[in-house]
């Protein structure tokens, strides 16, 4: 009998379910935010960082702390960059109309 590798163990144990679920929920919320900013004439990407944040939260439930910290951190940085980008676009819009 052979020993299973890490990927095979995760596949058999169902590991990643909560991370995948969190990513899907986060991405759906990010998509709604992107749709709202598009109505205002902005081009944004909240889907990616919100998905990363959701995946990180799901990883916490799986007790995968290294992945959780990495994804939560990346998600937060992405959301901050989203805000900076949106504000920059609004300022540029206001500058051209003034």
C-alpha atoms as a PDB file:
ATOM      1  CA  UNK A   1       0.000   0.000   0.000  1.00  0.00           C
ATOM      2  CA  UNK A   2       1.389   3.430  -0.904  1.00  0.00           C
ATOM      3  CA  UNK A   3       1.268   6.649   1.085  1.00  0.00           C
ATOM      4  CA  UNK A   4      -0.993   9.452  -0.172  1.00  0.00           C
ATOM      5  CA  UNK A   5       0.593  12.778  -1.057  1.00  0.00           C
ATOM      6  CA  UNK A   6      -0.705  16.084   0.349  1.00  0.00           C
ATOM      7  CA  UNK A   7      -2.954  16.848  -2.632  1.00  0.00           C
ATOM      8  CA  UNK A   8      -4.524  13.396  -2.536  1.00  0.00           C
ATOM      9  CA  UNK A   9      -5.207  13.713   1.182  1.00  0.00           C
ATOM     10  CA  UNK A  10      -6.917  17.071   0.669  1.00  0.00           C
ATOM     11  CA  UNK A  11      -8.970  15.678  -2.189  1.00  0.00           C
ATOM     12  CA  UNK A  12     -10.152  12.698  -0.173  1.00  0.00           C
ATOM     13  CA  UNK A  13     -10.812  14.630   3.032  1.00  0.00           C
ATOM     14  CA  UNK A  14     -12.786  17.373   1.306  1.00  0.00           C
ATOM     15  CA  UNK A  15     -10.272  19.988   2.405  1.00  0.00           C
ATOM     16  CA  UNK A  16     -10.891  23.359   0.875  1.00  0.00           C
ATOM     17  CA  UNK A  17     -14.694  23.261   1.029  1.00  0.00           C
ATOM     18  CA  UNK A  18     -15.016  26.252   3.353  1.00  0.00           C
ATOM     19  CA  UNK A  19     -12.272  28.179   1.546  1.00  0.00           C
ATOM     20  CA  UNK A  20     -14.008  27.578  -1.775  1.00  0.00           C
ATOM     21  CA  UNK A  21     -17.384  28.532  -0.323  1.00  0.00           C
ATOM     22  CA  UNK A  22     -15.937  31.686   1.248  1.00  0.00           C
ATOM     23  CA  UNK A  23     -14.259  32.619  -2.017  1.00  0.00           C
ATOM     24  CA  UNK A  24     -17.539  32.208  -3.917  1.00  0.00           C
ATOM     25  CA  UNK A  25     -19.470  34.327  -1.435  1.00  0.00           C
ATOM     26  CA  UNK A  26     -16.764  37.008  -1.363  1.00  0.00           C
ATOM     27  CA  UNK A  27     -16.523  37.109  -5.147  1.00  0.00           C
ATOM     28  CA  UNK A  28     -20.315  37.431  -5.435  1.00  0.00           C
ATOM     29  CA  UNK A  29     -20.272  40.398  -3.040  1.00  0.00           C
ATOM     30  CA  UNK A  30     -17.348  41.933  -4.948  1.00  0.00           C
ATOM     31  CA  UNK A  31     -19.251  41.507  -8.190  1.00  0.00           C
ATOM     32  CA  UNK A  32     -22.202  43.410  -6.735  1.00  0.00           C
ATOM     33  CA  UNK A  33     -19.853  46.218  -5.646  1.00  0.00           C
ATOM     34  CA  UNK A  34     -18.301  46.310  -9.133  1.00  0.00           C
ATOM     35  CA  UNK A  35     -21.759  46.523 -10.681  1.00  0.00           C
ATOM     36  CA  UNK A  36     -22.589  49.461  -8.425  1.00  0.00           C
ATOM     37  CA  UNK A  37     -19.405  51.327  -9.233  1.00  0.00           C
ATOM     38  CA  UNK A  38     -19.970  50.675 -12.949  1.00  0.00           C
ATOM     39  CA  UNK A  39     -23.307  52.491 -12.685  1.00  0.00           C
ATOM     40  CA  UNK A  40     -21.312  55.456 -11.402  1.00  0.00           C
ATOM     41  CA  UNK A  41     -19.003  55.236 -14.412  1.00  0.00           C
ATOM     42  CA  UNK A  42     -16.045  53.658 -12.596  1.00  0.00           C
ATOM     43  CA  UNK A  43     -14.012  50.654 -13.669  1.00  0.00           C
ATOM     44  CA  UNK A  44     -13.112  48.625 -10.580  1.00  0.00           C
ATOM     45  CA  UNK A  45     -12.228  45.121  -9.446  1.00  0.00           C
ATOM     46  CA  UNK A  46     -13.650  44.314  -6.031  1.00  0.00           C
ATOM     47  CA  UNK A  47     -14.376  40.715  -7.045  1.00  0.00           C
ATOM     48  CA  UNK A  48     -10.791  39.469  -6.785  1.00  0.00           C
ATOM     49  CA  UNK A  49      -9.871  40.894  -3.362  1.00  0.00           C
ATOM     50  CA  UNK A  50     -13.273  40.074  -1.872  1.00  0.00           C
ATOM     51  CA  UNK A  51     -12.849  36.488  -3.093  1.00  0.00           C
ATOM     52  CA  UNK A  52      -9.393  36.330  -1.502  1.00  0.00           C
ATOM     53  CA  UNK A  53     -10.747  37.649   1.784  1.00  0.00           C
ATOM     54  CA  UNK A  54     -13.613  35.138   1.728  1.00  0.00           C
ATOM     55  CA  UNK A  55     -11.219  32.321   0.945  1.00  0.00           C
ATOM     56  CA  UNK A  56      -9.042  33.344   3.875  1.00  0.00           C
ATOM     57  CA  UNK A  57     -12.000  33.348   6.235  1.00  0.00           C
ATOM     58  CA  UNK A  58     -12.994  29.905   4.967  1.00  0.00           C
ATOM     59  CA  UNK A  59      -9.437  28.697   5.519  1.00  0.00           C
ATOM     60  CA  UNK A  60      -9.731  29.754   9.161  1.00  0.00           C
ATOM     61  CA  UNK A  61     -12.679  27.402   9.522  1.00  0.00           C
ATOM     62  CA  UNK A  62     -10.497  24.634   8.075  1.00  0.00           C
ATOM     63  CA  UNK A  63      -7.760  25.492  10.592  1.00  0.00           C
ATOM     64  CA  UNK A  64      -5.358  26.245   7.735  1.00  0.00           C
ATOM     65  CA  UNK A  65      -3.883  29.305   9.417  1.00  0.00           C
ATOM     66  CA  UNK A  66      -1.001  29.945   7.005  1.00  0.00           C
ATOM     67  CA  UNK A  67      -3.289  30.094   3.977  1.00  0.00           C
ATOM     68  CA  UNK A  68      -5.870  32.050   5.976  1.00  0.00           C
ATOM     69  CA  UNK A  69      -3.393  34.751   6.975  1.00  0.00           C
ATOM     70  CA  UNK A  70      -2.019  34.973   3.448  1.00  0.00           C
ATOM     71  CA  UNK A  71      -5.428  35.256   1.777  1.00  0.00           C
ATOM     72  CA  UNK A  72      -6.920  37.598   4.360  1.00  0.00           C
ATOM     73  CA  UNK A  73      -3.889  39.872   4.076  1.00  0.00           C
ATOM     74  CA  UNK A  74      -3.994  39.859   0.282  1.00  0.00           C
ATOM     75  CA  UNK A  75      -7.737  40.499   0.342  1.00  0.00           C
ATOM     76  CA  UNK A  76      -7.392  43.482   2.672  1.00  0.00           C
ATOM     77  CA  UNK A  77      -4.577  44.974   0.601  1.00  0.00           C
ATOM     78  CA  UNK A  78      -6.679  44.471  -2.531  1.00  0.00           C
ATOM     79  CA  UNK A  79      -9.716  46.137  -0.977  1.00  0.00           C
ATOM     80  CA  UNK A  80      -7.612  49.131   0.114  1.00  0.00           C
ATOM     81  CA  UNK A  81      -6.213  49.378  -3.430  1.00  0.00           C
ATOM     82  CA  UNK A  82      -9.783  49.143  -4.755  1.00  0.00           C
ATOM     83  CA  UNK A  83     -10.744  52.138  -2.615  1.00  0.00           C
ATOM     84  CA  UNK A  84      -7.698  54.150  -3.655  1.00  0.00           C
ATOM     85  CA  UNK A  85      -8.394  53.382  -7.307  1.00  0.00           C
ATOM     86  CA  UNK A  86     -12.076  54.341  -7.014  1.00  0.00           C
ATOM     87  CA  UNK A  87     -11.263  57.628  -5.254  1.00  0.00           C
ATOM     88  CA  UNK A  88      -8.632  58.401  -7.884  1.00  0.00           C
ATOM     89  CA  UNK A  89     -11.144  57.804 -10.674  1.00  0.00           C
ATOM     90  CA  UNK A  90     -13.702  60.044  -8.963  1.00  0.00           C
ATOM     91  CA  UNK A  91     -11.122  62.835  -8.528  1.00  0.00           C
ATOM     92  CA  UNK A  92     -10.081  62.524 -12.181  1.00  0.00           C
ATOM     93  CA  UNK A  93     -13.727  62.682 -13.267  1.00  0.00           C
ATOM     94  CA  UNK A  94     -14.360  65.773 -11.157  1.00  0.00           C
ATOM     95  CA  UNK A  95     -11.199  67.466 -12.434  1.00  0.00           C
ATOM     96  CA  UNK A  96     -12.220  67.017 -16.073  1.00  0.00           C
ATOM     97  CA  UNK A  97     -15.762  68.310 -15.499  1.00  0.00           C
ATOM     98  CA  UNK A  98     -14.687  71.377 -13.483  1.00  0.00           C
END
